[in-house]
Amino acid sequence: MDMLALMFYGTICGALSMVSPQFTNPLVRISVGVVVGFIAASFLPIVRSWL
């Protein structure tokens, strides 16, 4: 994995970890994680094209 992908997903996961304690239901927490993961994976090629 290259450095850009590590920084990108690290930033996304860090932001998600700050919000996740607000979701007390484990199913909601997992669902939000999956949705954010799909969105982040779809935006990485766009971010890469900007650099």
C-alpha atoms as a PDB file:
ATOM      1  CA  MET A   1       0.000   0.000   0.000  1.00  0.00           C
ATOM      2  CA  ASP A   2       1.388   3.378  -0.931  1.00  0.00           C
ATOM      3  CA  MET A   3       1.746   6.368   1.388  1.00  0.00           C
ATOM      4  CA  LEU A   4      -1.182   8.311  -0.091  1.00  0.00           C
ATOM      5  CA  ALA A   5      -3.602   5.446   0.543  1.00  0.00           C
ATOM      6  CA  LEU A   6      -2.308   5.039   4.102  1.00  0.00           C
ATOM      7  CA  MET A   7      -2.751   8.738   4.887  1.00  0.00           C
ATOM      8  CA  PHE A   8      -6.153   8.908   3.192  1.00  0.00           C
ATOM      9  CA  TYR A   9      -7.659   5.885   4.950  1.00  0.00           C
ATOM     10  CA  GLY A  10      -5.966   6.828   8.229  1.00  0.00           C
ATOM     11  CA  THR A  11      -7.649  10.233   8.117  1.00  0.00           C
ATOM     12  CA  ILE A  12     -11.024   8.702   7.284  1.00  0.00           C
ATOM     13  CA  CYS A  13     -10.742   6.099  10.045  1.00  0.00           C
ATOM     14  CA  GLY A  14      -9.612   8.715  12.567  1.00  0.00           C
ATOM     15  CA  ALA A  15     -12.613  10.894  11.796  1.00  0.00           C
ATOM     16  CA  LEU A  16     -14.945   7.893  11.991  1.00  0.00           C
ATOM     17  CA  SER A  17     -13.522   6.853  15.360  1.00  0.00           C
ATOM     18  CA  MET A  18     -14.341  10.288  16.762  1.00  0.00           C
ATOM     19  CA  VAL A  19     -17.996   9.941  15.693  1.00  0.00           C
ATOM     20  CA  SER A  20     -18.547   6.231  16.385  1.00  0.00           C
ATOM     21  CA  PRO A  21     -19.010   6.423  20.196  1.00  0.00           C
ATOM     22  CA  GLN A  22     -22.224   8.355  19.534  1.00  0.00           C
ATOM     23  CA  PHE A  23     -23.713   5.231  17.941  1.00  0.00           C
ATOM     24  CA  THR A  24     -24.526   2.832  20.761  1.00  0.00           C
ATOM     25  CA  ASN A  25     -26.144   0.129  18.633  1.00  0.00           C
ATOM     26  CA  PRO A  26     -23.448  -2.191  17.194  1.00  0.00           C
ATOM     27  CA  LEU A  27     -25.457  -2.784  14.009  1.00  0.00           C
ATOM     28  CA  VAL A  28     -25.663   0.968  13.364  1.00  0.00           C
ATOM     29  CA  ARG A  29     -21.938   1.363  14.090  1.00  0.00           C
ATOM     30  CA  ILE A  30     -21.021  -1.408  11.636  1.00  0.00           C
ATOM     31  CA  SER A  31     -23.391  -0.027   9.003  1.00  0.00           C
ATOM     32  CA  VAL A  32     -21.903   3.454   9.272  1.00  0.00           C
ATOM     33  CA  GLY A  33     -18.411   1.973   8.989  1.00  0.00           C
ATOM     34  CA  VAL A  34     -19.337   0.073   5.838  1.00  0.00           C
ATOM     35  CA  VAL A  35     -20.934   3.119   4.215  1.00  0.00           C
ATOM     36  CA  VAL A  36     -17.972   5.352   5.080  1.00  0.00           C
ATOM     37  CA  GLY A  37     -15.579   2.693   3.775  1.00  0.00           C
ATOM     38  CA  PHE A  38     -17.388   2.500   0.438  1.00  0.00           C
ATOM     39  CA  ILE A  39     -17.445   6.274   0.111  1.00  0.00           C
ATOM     40  CA  ALA A  40     -13.750   6.559   0.999  1.00  0.00           C
ATOM     41  CA  ALA A  41     -12.815   3.835  -1.487  1.00  0.00           C
ATOM     42  CA  SER A  42     -14.727   5.603  -4.236  1.00  0.00           C
ATOM     43  CA  PHE A  43     -13.098   8.978  -3.507  1.00  0.00           C
ATOM     44  CA  LEU A  44      -9.481   7.781  -3.382  1.00  0.00           C
ATOM     45  CA  PRO A  45      -9.062   7.671  -7.194  1.00  0.00           C
ATOM     46  CA  ILE A  46     -10.403  11.233  -7.394  1.00  0.00           C
ATOM     47  CA  VAL A  47      -7.969  12.448  -4.726  1.00  0.00           C
ATOM     48  CA  ARG A  48      -5.129  10.607  -6.465  1.00  0.00           C
ATOM     49  CA  SER A  49      -5.940  12.340  -9.788  1.00  0.00           C
ATOM     50  CA  TRP A  50      -5.690  15.750  -8.100  1.00  0.00           C
ATOM     51  CA  LEU A  51      -2.115  15.072  -6.973  1.00  0.00           C
END
